[in-house]
């Protein structure tokens, strides 16, 4: 198993055991390099009640290259392109960018993780970067016509509710979105096999994963 797959397995395992409030993560078709991410709208914001699905895709050289983050439905926001791609500094390649003025410390680096990306998204939703918007119209509306901006977003909130999984209990209070202390659980060698279904990861790969954890 590749180093990237090992790293992603560890991060996925951590997020399942200690979720980031307001997010739901899963694998797409059991592919460790493609994650399904749902953003749950915070209470007392224009996103309240929303369930915004997105896809996070990783390369074989992760974490040395950043993942991509793309909303599955139209998402009206100054920092989201028309095709759903999220434009945020933490997802930009490592190093300074003299054209945009972004410093290396604002951009991706190998110490970042999926969790750090999700936390950055929370901040971006509350405080868009309108200085160089990916969606110019949304940027203008956010600055000059907030009523129009809010109206468009609230319509998308209603559409997003179609994607709430059956039986899923939506968090509704601010307390539900507070970060809790990490839950310490004993290592479970059968983590990837709890469903009883066959896993895409064979026994040899699982042994490699365990060895990698021991090295850490």
N, C-alpha and C. Protein backbone atom coordinates (compact mmCIF):
# COMPACT_ATOMS: atom_id res chain seq x y z
N UNK A 1 0.84 -1.20 0.00
CA UNK A 1 0.00 0.00 0.00
C UNK A 1 0.88 1.25 0.00
N UNK A 2 0.47 2.26 -0.75
CA UNK A 2 1.28 3.46 -0.87
C UNK A 2 1.26 4.26 0.42
N UNK A 3 2.26 5.13 0.55
CA UNK A 3 2.34 6.00 1.73
C UNK A 3 1.12 6.92 1.80
N UNK A 4 0.66 7.41 0.63
CA UNK A 4 -0.52 8.29 0.61
C UNK A 4 -1.75 7.56 1.14
N UNK A 5 -1.93 6.30 0.73
CA UNK A 5 -3.09 5.53 1.19
C UNK A 5 -3.02 5.31 2.70
N UNK A 6 -1.83 5.02 3.20
CA UNK A 6 -1.66 4.84 4.64
C UNK A 6 -2.04 6.10 5.41
N UNK A 7 -1.55 7.25 4.93
CA UNK A 7 -1.83 8.52 5.58
C UNK A 7 -3.33 8.81 5.57
N UNK A 8 -3.97 8.58 4.43
CA UNK A 8 -5.40 8.84 4.32
C UNK A 8 -6.22 7.89 5.18
N UNK A 9 -5.79 6.65 5.29
CA UNK A 9 -6.48 5.70 6.16
C UNK A 9 -6.46 6.18 7.60
N UNK A 10 -5.30 6.65 8.04
CA UNK A 10 -5.19 7.12 9.42
C UNK A 10 -6.09 8.34 9.64
N UNK A 11 -6.07 9.28 8.69
CA UNK A 11 -6.87 10.49 8.86
C UNK A 11 -8.36 10.19 8.79
N UNK A 12 -8.76 9.27 7.92
CA UNK A 12 -10.16 8.89 7.83
C UNK A 12 -10.61 8.21 9.14
N UNK A 13 -9.77 7.33 9.62
CA UNK A 13 -10.07 6.62 10.87
C UNK A 13 -10.24 7.60 12.02
N UNK A 14 -9.35 8.61 12.09
CA UNK A 14 -9.43 9.62 13.16
C UNK A 14 -10.72 10.43 13.06
N UNK A 15 -11.12 10.76 11.83
CA UNK A 15 -12.32 11.60 11.65
C UNK A 15 -13.60 10.82 11.92
N UNK A 16 -13.58 9.52 11.72
CA UNK A 16 -14.75 8.70 12.04
C UNK A 16 -14.90 8.61 13.56
N UNK A 17 -13.79 8.47 14.25
CA UNK A 17 -13.83 8.33 15.70
C UNK A 17 -14.02 9.67 16.41
N UNK A 18 -13.45 10.72 15.83
CA UNK A 18 -13.55 12.06 16.42
C UNK A 18 -13.96 13.05 15.31
N UNK A 19 -15.23 13.05 14.95
CA UNK A 19 -15.68 13.89 13.83
C UNK A 19 -15.50 15.38 14.10
N UNK A 20 -15.29 16.13 13.02
CA UNK A 20 -15.30 17.59 13.10
C UNK A 20 -16.77 18.01 13.09
N UNK A 21 -17.24 18.71 14.12
CA UNK A 21 -18.66 19.10 14.17
C UNK A 21 -19.08 19.86 12.91
N UNK A 22 -20.23 19.47 12.38
CA UNK A 22 -20.73 20.13 11.18
C UNK A 22 -20.32 19.47 9.89
N UNK A 23 -19.59 18.34 9.98
CA UNK A 23 -19.16 17.63 8.79
C UNK A 23 -19.46 16.14 8.91
N UNK A 24 -19.77 15.53 7.79
CA UNK A 24 -19.93 14.08 7.72
C UNK A 24 -19.03 13.59 6.59
N UNK A 25 -18.14 12.65 6.89
CA UNK A 25 -17.23 12.14 5.87
C UNK A 25 -17.46 10.65 5.64
N UNK A 26 -17.23 10.23 4.41
CA UNK A 26 -17.34 8.83 4.05
C UNK A 26 -16.47 8.62 2.80
N UNK A 27 -16.23 7.36 2.47
CA UNK A 27 -15.48 7.05 1.25
C UNK A 27 -16.46 6.86 0.11
N UNK A 28 -16.06 7.27 -1.09
CA UNK A 28 -16.87 7.02 -2.27
C UNK A 28 -16.43 5.70 -2.88
N UNK A 29 -17.35 4.75 -2.97
CA UNK A 29 -17.06 3.45 -3.56
C UNK A 29 -15.83 2.78 -2.92
N UNK A 30 -15.70 2.98 -1.59
CA UNK A 30 -14.58 2.39 -0.83
C UNK A 30 -13.22 2.82 -1.37
N UNK A 31 -13.18 3.98 -2.02
CA UNK A 31 -11.92 4.49 -2.59
C UNK A 31 -11.30 5.47 -1.60
N UNK A 32 -10.16 5.12 -1.02
CA UNK A 32 -9.53 5.95 -0.01
C UNK A 32 -9.06 7.28 -0.59
N UNK A 33 -8.97 7.39 -1.92
CA UNK A 33 -8.51 8.62 -2.55
C UNK A 33 -9.67 9.55 -2.96
N UNK A 34 -10.89 9.13 -2.69
CA UNK A 34 -12.04 9.97 -3.02
C UNK A 34 -13.05 9.91 -1.88
N UNK A 35 -13.25 11.05 -1.23
CA UNK A 35 -14.13 11.12 -0.06
C UNK A 35 -15.39 11.91 -0.38
N UNK A 36 -16.48 11.47 0.22
CA UNK A 36 -17.72 12.23 0.21
C UNK A 36 -17.75 13.06 1.50
N UNK A 37 -17.96 14.35 1.36
CA UNK A 37 -18.00 15.25 2.51
C UNK A 37 -19.30 16.02 2.50
N UNK A 38 -19.98 16.03 3.62
CA UNK A 38 -21.20 16.84 3.75
C UNK A 38 -20.97 17.93 4.78
N UNK A 39 -21.32 19.15 4.41
CA UNK A 39 -21.22 20.29 5.32
C UNK A 39 -22.63 20.60 5.83
N UNK A 40 -22.77 20.63 7.13
CA UNK A 40 -24.08 20.91 7.74
C UNK A 40 -24.10 22.38 8.17
N UNK A 41 -25.12 23.10 7.70
CA UNK A 41 -25.19 24.53 7.98
C UNK A 41 -25.32 24.85 9.45
N UNK A 42 -24.52 25.81 9.90
CA UNK A 42 -24.52 26.21 11.31
C UNK A 42 -25.82 26.92 11.70
N UNK A 43 -26.28 26.70 12.94
CA UNK A 43 -27.48 27.40 13.41
C UNK A 43 -27.25 28.92 13.43
N UNK A 44 -28.31 29.65 13.25
CA UNK A 44 -28.27 31.13 13.29
C UNK A 44 -27.39 31.73 12.20
N UNK A 45 -27.26 31.02 11.09
CA UNK A 45 -26.58 31.56 9.92
C UNK A 45 -27.49 31.33 8.71
N UNK A 46 -27.13 31.91 7.57
CA UNK A 46 -27.94 31.72 6.38
C UNK A 46 -27.86 30.28 5.87
N UNK A 47 -26.89 29.51 6.37
CA UNK A 47 -26.73 28.12 5.94
C UNK A 47 -27.49 27.13 6.84
N UNK A 48 -28.16 27.63 7.86
CA UNK A 48 -28.83 26.75 8.83
C UNK A 48 -29.78 25.79 8.14
N UNK A 49 -29.67 24.51 8.51
CA UNK A 49 -30.54 23.49 7.95
C UNK A 49 -30.04 22.88 6.66
N UNK A 50 -28.96 23.42 6.11
CA UNK A 50 -28.44 22.92 4.84
C UNK A 50 -27.59 21.67 5.02
N UNK A 51 -27.54 20.85 3.98
CA UNK A 51 -26.72 19.64 3.96
C UNK A 51 -26.01 19.63 2.61
N UNK A 52 -24.84 20.25 2.59
CA UNK A 52 -24.15 20.52 1.32
C UNK A 52 -23.10 19.44 1.04
N UNK A 53 -23.36 18.64 0.02
CA UNK A 53 -22.46 17.53 -0.30
C UNK A 53 -21.35 17.99 -1.24
N UNK A 54 -20.17 17.40 -1.02
CA UNK A 54 -19.01 17.74 -1.83
C UNK A 54 -18.13 16.50 -1.97
N UNK A 55 -17.18 16.59 -2.89
CA UNK A 55 -16.24 15.50 -3.11
C UNK A 55 -14.83 15.99 -2.91
N UNK A 56 -14.08 15.28 -2.11
CA UNK A 56 -12.68 15.61 -1.84
C UNK A 56 -11.82 14.53 -2.50
N UNK A 57 -10.91 14.95 -3.39
CA UNK A 57 -10.11 14.01 -4.15
C UNK A 57 -8.63 14.20 -3.85
N UNK A 58 -7.93 13.09 -3.66
CA UNK A 58 -6.52 13.12 -3.27
C UNK A 58 -5.66 12.47 -4.35
N UNK A 59 -4.41 12.92 -4.41
CA UNK A 59 -3.46 12.35 -5.37
C UNK A 59 -2.59 11.30 -4.68
N UNK A 60 -1.84 10.57 -5.50
CA UNK A 60 -0.96 9.53 -4.96
C UNK A 60 0.23 10.11 -4.20
N UNK A 61 0.48 11.41 -4.35
CA UNK A 61 1.60 12.01 -3.60
C UNK A 61 1.10 12.85 -2.41
N UNK A 62 -0.15 12.62 -1.98
CA UNK A 62 -0.63 13.23 -0.74
C UNK A 62 0.22 12.71 0.42
N UNK A 63 0.62 13.53 1.41
CA UNK A 63 0.19 14.91 1.66
C UNK A 63 1.12 15.98 1.09
N UNK A 64 1.95 15.61 0.12
CA UNK A 64 2.86 16.60 -0.45
C UNK A 64 2.17 17.49 -1.47
N UNK A 65 1.04 17.04 -1.97
CA UNK A 65 0.20 17.86 -2.83
C UNK A 65 -1.18 17.96 -2.20
N UNK A 66 -1.85 19.10 -2.34
CA UNK A 66 -3.17 19.27 -1.69
C UNK A 66 -4.26 18.49 -2.40
N UNK A 67 -5.33 18.19 -1.68
CA UNK A 67 -6.50 17.59 -2.32
C UNK A 67 -7.30 18.67 -3.06
N UNK A 68 -8.31 18.25 -3.78
CA UNK A 68 -9.26 19.20 -4.37
C UNK A 68 -10.59 19.02 -3.64
N UNK A 69 -11.37 20.08 -3.62
CA UNK A 69 -12.67 20.07 -2.94
C UNK A 69 -13.69 20.68 -3.89
N UNK A 70 -14.72 19.88 -4.24
CA UNK A 70 -15.71 20.35 -5.21
C UNK A 70 -17.13 20.04 -4.69
N UNK A 71 -17.97 21.06 -4.65
CA UNK A 71 -19.35 20.87 -4.25
C UNK A 71 -20.10 20.09 -5.33
N UNK A 72 -20.96 19.17 -4.90
CA UNK A 72 -21.69 18.35 -5.86
C UNK A 72 -22.84 19.10 -6.52
N UNK A 73 -23.40 20.06 -5.81
CA UNK A 73 -24.45 20.92 -6.37
C UNK A 73 -23.93 22.35 -6.49
N UNK A 74 -24.69 23.18 -7.17
CA UNK A 74 -24.34 24.60 -7.27
C UNK A 74 -24.25 25.20 -5.86
N UNK A 75 -23.19 25.95 -5.63
CA UNK A 75 -22.99 26.54 -4.30
C UNK A 75 -22.59 28.00 -4.50
N UNK A 76 -23.50 28.89 -4.15
CA UNK A 76 -23.30 30.32 -4.37
C UNK A 76 -22.44 30.90 -3.26
N UNK A 77 -21.21 31.24 -3.61
CA UNK A 77 -20.25 31.76 -2.62
C UNK A 77 -19.12 32.44 -3.37
N UNK A 78 -18.59 33.55 -2.86
CA UNK A 78 -17.51 34.26 -3.55
C UNK A 78 -16.28 33.40 -3.85
N UNK A 79 -16.06 32.35 -3.06
CA UNK A 79 -14.85 31.55 -3.22
C UNK A 79 -15.11 30.16 -3.78
N UNK A 80 -16.22 30.03 -4.52
CA UNK A 80 -16.55 28.77 -5.19
C UNK A 80 -16.79 29.05 -6.67
N UNK A 81 -16.04 28.35 -7.53
CA UNK A 81 -16.20 28.52 -8.98
C UNK A 81 -17.56 27.95 -9.43
N UNK A 82 -17.94 28.31 -10.66
CA UNK A 82 -19.22 27.85 -11.20
C UNK A 82 -19.31 26.33 -11.26
N UNK A 83 -18.16 25.66 -11.42
CA UNK A 83 -18.18 24.20 -11.51
C UNK A 83 -18.12 23.52 -10.14
N UNK A 84 -18.20 24.33 -9.07
CA UNK A 84 -18.23 23.76 -7.73
C UNK A 84 -16.90 23.68 -7.01
N UNK A 85 -15.80 23.99 -7.72
CA UNK A 85 -14.48 23.91 -7.08
C UNK A 85 -14.32 25.01 -6.03
N UNK A 86 -13.82 24.61 -4.89
CA UNK A 86 -13.57 25.56 -3.81
C UNK A 86 -12.20 26.21 -4.00
N UNK A 87 -12.16 27.53 -3.92
CA UNK A 87 -10.90 28.27 -4.03
C UNK A 87 -10.55 28.81 -2.65
N UNK A 88 -9.55 28.19 -2.03
CA UNK A 88 -9.13 28.59 -0.70
C UNK A 88 -7.63 28.36 -0.59
N UNK A 89 -6.94 29.24 0.09
CA UNK A 89 -5.48 29.22 0.12
C UNK A 89 -4.91 27.88 0.55
N UNK A 90 -5.54 27.25 1.53
CA UNK A 90 -4.99 26.01 2.08
C UNK A 90 -4.98 24.88 1.04
N UNK A 91 -5.77 25.02 -0.03
CA UNK A 91 -5.79 24.00 -1.08
C UNK A 91 -4.91 24.36 -2.27
N UNK A 92 -4.17 25.44 -2.16
CA UNK A 92 -3.26 25.83 -3.22
C UNK A 92 -1.89 25.17 -3.01
N UNK A 93 -1.18 24.84 -4.09
CA UNK A 93 0.10 24.14 -3.97
C UNK A 93 1.08 24.85 -3.05
N UNK A 94 2.02 24.11 -2.45
CA UNK A 94 2.97 24.70 -1.50
C UNK A 94 3.83 25.80 -2.13
N UNK A 95 4.30 26.70 -1.27
CA UNK A 95 5.23 27.74 -1.69
C UNK A 95 4.57 29.10 -1.88
N UNK A 96 5.40 30.14 -1.93
CA UNK A 96 4.90 31.50 -2.15
C UNK A 96 4.34 31.63 -3.57
N UNK A 97 3.36 32.49 -3.73
CA UNK A 97 2.82 32.80 -5.05
C UNK A 97 2.88 34.31 -5.24
N UNK A 98 3.89 34.79 -5.96
CA UNK A 98 4.05 36.24 -6.14
C UNK A 98 2.91 36.89 -6.91
N UNK A 99 2.18 36.11 -7.72
CA UNK A 99 1.09 36.67 -8.51
C UNK A 99 -0.10 37.02 -7.61
N UNK A 100 -0.49 36.06 -6.78
CA UNK A 100 -1.64 36.29 -5.90
C UNK A 100 -1.25 36.99 -4.60
N UNK A 101 0.05 36.93 -4.28
CA UNK A 101 0.51 37.52 -3.03
C UNK A 101 0.39 36.58 -1.84
N UNK A 102 -0.05 35.34 -2.07
CA UNK A 102 -0.18 34.38 -0.98
C UNK A 102 1.19 33.93 -0.51
N UNK A 103 1.35 33.88 0.79
CA UNK A 103 2.59 33.41 1.39
C UNK A 103 2.53 31.90 1.58
N UNK A 104 3.69 31.27 1.68
CA UNK A 104 3.75 29.82 1.83
C UNK A 104 2.98 29.33 3.05
N UNK A 105 3.00 30.11 4.12
CA UNK A 105 2.33 29.68 5.34
C UNK A 105 0.80 29.69 5.21
N UNK A 106 0.28 30.39 4.19
CA UNK A 106 -1.17 30.41 3.97
C UNK A 106 -1.63 29.24 3.11
N UNK A 107 -0.69 28.64 2.39
CA UNK A 107 -1.02 27.62 1.41
C UNK A 107 -0.78 26.22 1.97
N UNK A 108 -1.02 25.23 1.13
CA UNK A 108 -0.87 23.85 1.55
C UNK A 108 0.57 23.53 1.92
N UNK A 109 0.75 22.68 2.91
CA UNK A 109 2.06 22.09 3.20
C UNK A 109 1.79 20.70 3.78
N UNK A 110 2.78 19.82 3.77
CA UNK A 110 2.56 18.42 4.16
C UNK A 110 2.12 18.21 5.60
N UNK A 111 2.19 19.25 6.43
CA UNK A 111 1.72 19.08 7.81
C UNK A 111 0.21 19.26 7.91
N UNK A 112 -0.41 19.74 6.84
CA UNK A 112 -1.86 19.92 6.84
C UNK A 112 -2.56 18.57 6.77
N UNK A 113 -3.84 18.56 7.05
CA UNK A 113 -4.61 17.33 7.04
C UNK A 113 -6.03 17.63 6.56
N UNK A 114 -6.82 16.59 6.40
CA UNK A 114 -8.22 16.79 6.04
C UNK A 114 -8.91 17.63 7.10
N UNK A 115 -8.62 17.36 8.34
CA UNK A 115 -9.25 18.12 9.43
C UNK A 115 -8.94 19.61 9.32
N UNK A 116 -7.69 19.96 9.02
CA UNK A 116 -7.34 21.38 8.92
C UNK A 116 -8.06 22.05 7.74
N UNK A 117 -8.29 21.29 6.67
CA UNK A 117 -9.05 21.82 5.53
C UNK A 117 -10.49 22.09 5.95
N UNK A 118 -11.10 21.15 6.65
CA UNK A 118 -12.49 21.31 7.07
C UNK A 118 -12.65 22.51 8.00
N UNK A 119 -11.69 22.70 8.91
CA UNK A 119 -11.75 23.84 9.81
C UNK A 119 -11.63 25.15 9.04
N UNK A 120 -10.81 25.16 8.00
CA UNK A 120 -10.65 26.37 7.18
C UNK A 120 -11.93 26.68 6.41
N UNK A 121 -12.65 25.64 5.99
CA UNK A 121 -13.90 25.84 5.27
C UNK A 121 -14.94 26.50 6.17
N UNK A 122 -14.98 26.10 7.42
CA UNK A 122 -15.91 26.72 8.37
C UNK A 122 -15.67 28.23 8.42
N UNK A 123 -14.41 28.62 8.52
CA UNK A 123 -14.07 30.05 8.58
C UNK A 123 -14.45 30.77 7.30
N UNK A 124 -14.22 30.10 6.17
CA UNK A 124 -14.48 30.74 4.88
C UNK A 124 -15.97 30.97 4.65
N UNK A 125 -16.79 30.05 5.09
CA UNK A 125 -18.23 30.23 4.92
C UNK A 125 -18.72 31.46 5.69
N UNK A 126 -18.17 31.64 6.89
CA UNK A 126 -18.58 32.78 7.72
C UNK A 126 -17.98 34.10 7.24
N UNK A 127 -16.79 34.01 6.65
CA UNK A 127 -16.07 35.23 6.27
C UNK A 127 -15.42 35.04 4.90
N UNK A 128 -16.18 35.18 3.81
CA UNK A 128 -15.64 34.98 2.46
C UNK A 128 -14.51 35.96 2.14
N UNK A 129 -13.63 35.52 1.25
CA UNK A 129 -12.57 36.38 0.76
C UNK A 129 -13.06 37.01 -0.55
N UNK A 130 -13.42 38.27 -0.50
CA UNK A 130 -13.97 38.95 -1.67
C UNK A 130 -12.94 39.77 -2.44
N UNK A 131 -11.68 39.71 -2.00
CA UNK A 131 -10.65 40.51 -2.67
C UNK A 131 -10.28 39.92 -4.03
N UNK A 132 -10.35 38.60 -4.15
CA UNK A 132 -10.08 37.94 -5.44
C UNK A 132 -11.05 36.77 -5.57
N UNK A 133 -12.33 37.08 -5.78
CA UNK A 133 -13.36 36.03 -5.76
C UNK A 133 -13.31 35.10 -6.96
N UNK A 134 -13.65 33.83 -6.72
CA UNK A 134 -13.79 32.86 -7.80
C UNK A 134 -15.12 33.09 -8.52
N UNK A 135 -16.12 33.57 -7.77
CA UNK A 135 -17.42 33.94 -8.33
C UNK A 135 -17.60 35.44 -8.11
N UNK A 136 -17.34 36.21 -9.15
CA UNK A 136 -17.37 37.67 -9.04
C UNK A 136 -18.76 38.18 -8.64
N UNK A 137 -19.79 37.61 -9.26
CA UNK A 137 -21.15 38.06 -8.96
C UNK A 137 -21.49 37.84 -7.49
N UNK A 138 -21.10 36.69 -6.96
CA UNK A 138 -21.36 36.41 -5.55
C UNK A 138 -20.58 37.36 -4.66
N UNK A 139 -19.35 37.67 -5.07
CA UNK A 139 -18.53 38.60 -4.29
C UNK A 139 -19.15 39.99 -4.24
N UNK A 140 -19.67 40.44 -5.38
CA UNK A 140 -20.31 41.77 -5.44
C UNK A 140 -21.58 41.77 -4.59
N UNK A 141 -22.38 40.71 -4.72
CA UNK A 141 -23.63 40.64 -3.96
C UNK A 141 -23.36 40.59 -2.46
N UNK A 142 -22.32 39.85 -2.06
CA UNK A 142 -22.01 39.75 -0.63
C UNK A 142 -21.64 41.12 -0.06
N UNK A 143 -20.93 41.93 -0.85
CA UNK A 143 -20.48 43.24 -0.36
C UNK A 143 -21.53 44.33 -0.50
N UNK A 144 -22.34 44.26 -1.59
CA UNK A 144 -23.20 45.40 -1.90
C UNK A 144 -24.70 45.13 -1.85
N UNK A 145 -25.09 43.86 -1.86
CA UNK A 145 -26.52 43.54 -1.85
C UNK A 145 -26.72 42.27 -1.03
N UNK A 146 -26.53 42.40 0.28
CA UNK A 146 -26.57 41.23 1.15
C UNK A 146 -27.95 40.55 1.14
N UNK A 147 -29.00 41.32 0.95
CA UNK A 147 -30.34 40.73 0.91
C UNK A 147 -30.46 39.75 -0.25
N UNK A 148 -29.95 40.13 -1.43
CA UNK A 148 -29.96 39.25 -2.60
C UNK A 148 -29.11 38.03 -2.35
N UNK A 149 -27.93 38.26 -1.78
CA UNK A 149 -27.00 37.16 -1.50
C UNK A 149 -27.66 36.14 -0.57
N UNK A 150 -28.24 36.61 0.51
CA UNK A 150 -28.86 35.73 1.48
C UNK A 150 -30.03 34.96 0.86
N UNK A 151 -30.79 35.62 0.01
CA UNK A 151 -31.94 34.98 -0.63
C UNK A 151 -31.49 33.81 -1.51
N UNK A 152 -30.43 34.01 -2.28
CA UNK A 152 -29.92 32.95 -3.16
C UNK A 152 -29.41 31.77 -2.33
N UNK A 153 -28.66 32.07 -1.28
CA UNK A 153 -28.10 31.01 -0.43
C UNK A 153 -29.22 30.21 0.23
N UNK A 154 -30.24 30.89 0.73
CA UNK A 154 -31.33 30.20 1.43
C UNK A 154 -32.11 29.29 0.48
N UNK A 155 -32.21 29.67 -0.79
CA UNK A 155 -32.85 28.79 -1.77
C UNK A 155 -32.01 27.52 -1.96
N UNK A 156 -30.70 27.68 -1.97
CA UNK A 156 -29.83 26.52 -2.12
C UNK A 156 -29.85 25.64 -0.88
N UNK A 157 -30.07 26.25 0.28
CA UNK A 157 -30.22 25.47 1.51
C UNK A 157 -31.39 24.51 1.36
N UNK A 158 -32.52 25.01 0.85
CA UNK A 158 -33.71 24.17 0.68
C UNK A 158 -33.45 23.04 -0.31
N UNK A 159 -32.73 23.34 -1.38
CA UNK A 159 -32.41 22.30 -2.37
C UNK A 159 -31.49 21.24 -1.75
N UNK A 160 -30.55 21.69 -0.93
CA UNK A 160 -29.58 20.76 -0.35
C UNK A 160 -30.22 19.74 0.59
N UNK A 161 -31.39 20.08 1.14
CA UNK A 161 -32.06 19.16 2.06
C UNK A 161 -32.47 17.86 1.39
N UNK A 162 -32.53 17.87 0.06
CA UNK A 162 -32.84 16.64 -0.68
C UNK A 162 -31.75 15.59 -0.49
N UNK A 163 -30.56 16.02 -0.10
CA UNK A 163 -29.43 15.10 0.03
C UNK A 163 -29.24 14.56 1.45
N UNK A 164 -30.10 14.98 2.38
CA UNK A 164 -29.98 14.46 3.75
C UNK A 164 -30.33 12.96 3.72
N UNK A 165 -29.42 12.10 4.19
CA UNK A 165 -29.68 10.65 4.15
C UNK A 165 -30.89 10.28 5.00
N UNK A 166 -31.66 9.29 4.57
CA UNK A 166 -32.80 8.83 5.37
C UNK A 166 -32.35 8.40 6.77
N UNK A 167 -33.06 8.85 7.77
CA UNK A 167 -32.73 8.46 9.13
C UNK A 167 -31.64 9.28 9.78
N UNK A 168 -31.01 10.18 9.01
CA UNK A 168 -29.94 11.00 9.58
C UNK A 168 -30.53 12.09 10.46
N UNK A 169 -30.01 12.21 11.67
CA UNK A 169 -30.49 13.24 12.60
C UNK A 169 -29.64 14.49 12.46
N UNK A 170 -30.24 15.54 11.95
CA UNK A 170 -29.52 16.79 11.75
C UNK A 170 -29.26 17.48 13.09
N UNK A 171 -28.03 17.94 13.34
CA UNK A 171 -27.77 18.75 14.53
C UNK A 171 -28.49 20.08 14.41
N UNK A 172 -29.03 20.55 15.52
CA UNK A 172 -29.84 21.77 15.47
C UNK A 172 -29.39 22.87 16.41
N UNK A 173 -28.63 22.53 17.45
CA UNK A 173 -28.23 23.54 18.42
C UNK A 173 -26.75 23.88 18.25
N UNK A 174 -26.37 25.04 18.77
CA UNK A 174 -24.97 25.44 18.69
C UNK A 174 -24.07 24.47 19.45
N UNK A 175 -24.62 23.86 20.49
CA UNK A 175 -23.85 22.89 21.26
C UNK A 175 -23.44 21.70 20.40
N UNK A 176 -24.31 21.34 19.46
CA UNK A 176 -24.02 20.20 18.58
C UNK A 176 -22.80 20.46 17.70
N UNK A 177 -22.45 21.73 17.54
CA UNK A 177 -21.34 22.09 16.66
C UNK A 177 -20.07 22.42 17.44
N UNK A 178 -20.10 22.23 18.74
CA UNK A 178 -18.91 22.48 19.55
C UNK A 178 -17.96 21.30 19.46
N UNK A 179 -16.67 21.60 19.41
CA UNK A 179 -15.66 20.54 19.33
C UNK A 179 -15.51 19.88 20.69
N UNK A 180 -15.70 18.58 20.71
CA UNK A 180 -15.59 17.82 21.95
C UNK A 180 -14.17 17.27 22.11
N UNK A 181 -13.85 16.87 23.33
CA UNK A 181 -12.54 16.26 23.58
C UNK A 181 -12.45 14.96 22.80
N UNK A 182 -11.27 14.66 22.23
CA UNK A 182 -11.10 13.42 21.45
C UNK A 182 -11.46 12.19 22.27
N UNK A 183 -12.11 11.26 21.62
CA UNK A 183 -12.46 9.99 22.27
C UNK A 183 -11.30 9.02 22.09
N UNK A 184 -10.77 8.53 23.18
CA UNK A 184 -9.66 7.59 23.10
C UNK A 184 -10.22 6.18 23.08
N UNK A 185 -9.96 5.48 21.99
CA UNK A 185 -10.44 4.12 21.82
C UNK A 185 -9.25 3.22 21.50
N UNK A 186 -9.29 2.02 22.04
CA UNK A 186 -8.21 1.08 21.75
C UNK A 186 -8.17 0.80 20.26
N UNK A 187 -6.95 0.57 19.77
CA UNK A 187 -6.79 0.27 18.36
C UNK A 187 -7.61 -0.97 17.99
N UNK A 188 -8.36 -0.89 16.91
CA UNK A 188 -9.17 -2.00 16.45
C UNK A 188 -8.62 -2.49 15.13
N UNK A 189 -8.02 -3.67 15.16
CA UNK A 189 -7.42 -4.21 13.94
C UNK A 189 -8.46 -4.49 12.86
N UNK A 190 -9.73 -4.59 13.27
CA UNK A 190 -10.79 -4.91 12.31
C UNK A 190 -11.58 -3.68 11.89
N UNK A 191 -10.99 -2.48 12.07
CA UNK A 191 -11.70 -1.24 11.78
C UNK A 191 -12.29 -1.25 10.37
N UNK A 192 -11.51 -1.71 9.40
CA UNK A 192 -11.94 -1.65 8.01
C UNK A 192 -12.90 -2.79 7.66
N UNK A 193 -13.15 -3.69 8.62
CA UNK A 193 -13.97 -4.86 8.30
C UNK A 193 -15.21 -4.95 9.18
N UNK A 194 -15.54 -3.86 9.89
CA UNK A 194 -16.63 -3.91 10.85
C UNK A 194 -17.96 -4.24 10.21
N UNK A 195 -18.17 -3.89 8.96
CA UNK A 195 -19.45 -4.12 8.31
C UNK A 195 -19.65 -5.58 7.95
N UNK A 196 -18.55 -6.33 7.94
CA UNK A 196 -18.64 -7.73 7.56
C UNK A 196 -18.52 -7.92 6.06
N UNK A 197 -18.48 -6.82 5.31
CA UNK A 197 -18.31 -6.91 3.87
C UNK A 197 -16.85 -7.03 3.51
N UNK A 198 -16.59 -7.49 2.30
CA UNK A 198 -15.21 -7.57 1.85
C UNK A 198 -14.68 -6.17 1.65
N UNK A 199 -13.44 -5.95 2.04
CA UNK A 199 -12.82 -4.63 1.89
C UNK A 199 -11.96 -4.61 0.64
N UNK A 200 -11.75 -3.40 0.10
CA UNK A 200 -10.87 -3.27 -1.04
C UNK A 200 -9.42 -3.42 -0.63
N UNK A 201 -9.15 -3.35 0.67
CA UNK A 201 -7.78 -3.46 1.15
C UNK A 201 -7.53 -4.91 1.53
N UNK A 202 -6.57 -5.56 0.89
CA UNK A 202 -6.33 -6.97 1.18
C UNK A 202 -5.53 -7.12 2.46
N UNK A 203 -5.36 -8.38 2.87
CA UNK A 203 -4.70 -8.65 4.15
C UNK A 203 -3.29 -8.13 4.16
N UNK A 204 -2.61 -8.26 3.03
CA UNK A 204 -1.22 -7.80 2.99
C UNK A 204 -1.14 -6.31 3.18
N UNK A 205 -2.07 -5.57 2.55
CA UNK A 205 -2.08 -4.11 2.71
C UNK A 205 -2.36 -3.74 4.15
N UNK A 206 -3.26 -4.49 4.81
CA UNK A 206 -3.61 -4.18 6.19
C UNK A 206 -2.41 -4.35 7.09
N UNK A 207 -1.59 -5.39 6.80
CA UNK A 207 -0.39 -5.59 7.61
C UNK A 207 0.58 -4.43 7.41
N UNK A 208 0.69 -3.96 6.13
CA UNK A 208 1.58 -2.82 5.87
C UNK A 208 1.11 -1.60 6.63
N UNK A 209 -0.20 -1.41 6.69
CA UNK A 209 -0.77 -0.26 7.40
C UNK A 209 -0.42 -0.32 8.88
N UNK A 210 -0.53 -1.54 9.49
CA UNK A 210 -0.22 -1.67 10.90
C UNK A 210 1.27 -1.39 11.16
N UNK A 211 2.13 -1.88 10.24
CA UNK A 211 3.56 -1.64 10.41
C UNK A 211 3.86 -0.16 10.35
N UNK A 212 3.15 0.55 9.43
CA UNK A 212 3.38 1.98 9.29
C UNK A 212 2.99 2.71 10.57
N UNK A 213 1.86 2.28 11.22
CA UNK A 213 1.44 2.89 12.46
C UNK A 213 2.46 2.68 13.56
N UNK A 214 3.07 1.45 13.57
CA UNK A 214 4.08 1.19 14.59
C UNK A 214 5.30 2.07 14.39
N UNK A 215 5.66 2.31 13.10
CA UNK A 215 6.82 3.17 12.83
C UNK A 215 6.58 4.57 13.32
N UNK A 216 5.29 5.04 13.23
CA UNK A 216 4.97 6.37 13.69
C UNK A 216 5.10 6.48 15.20
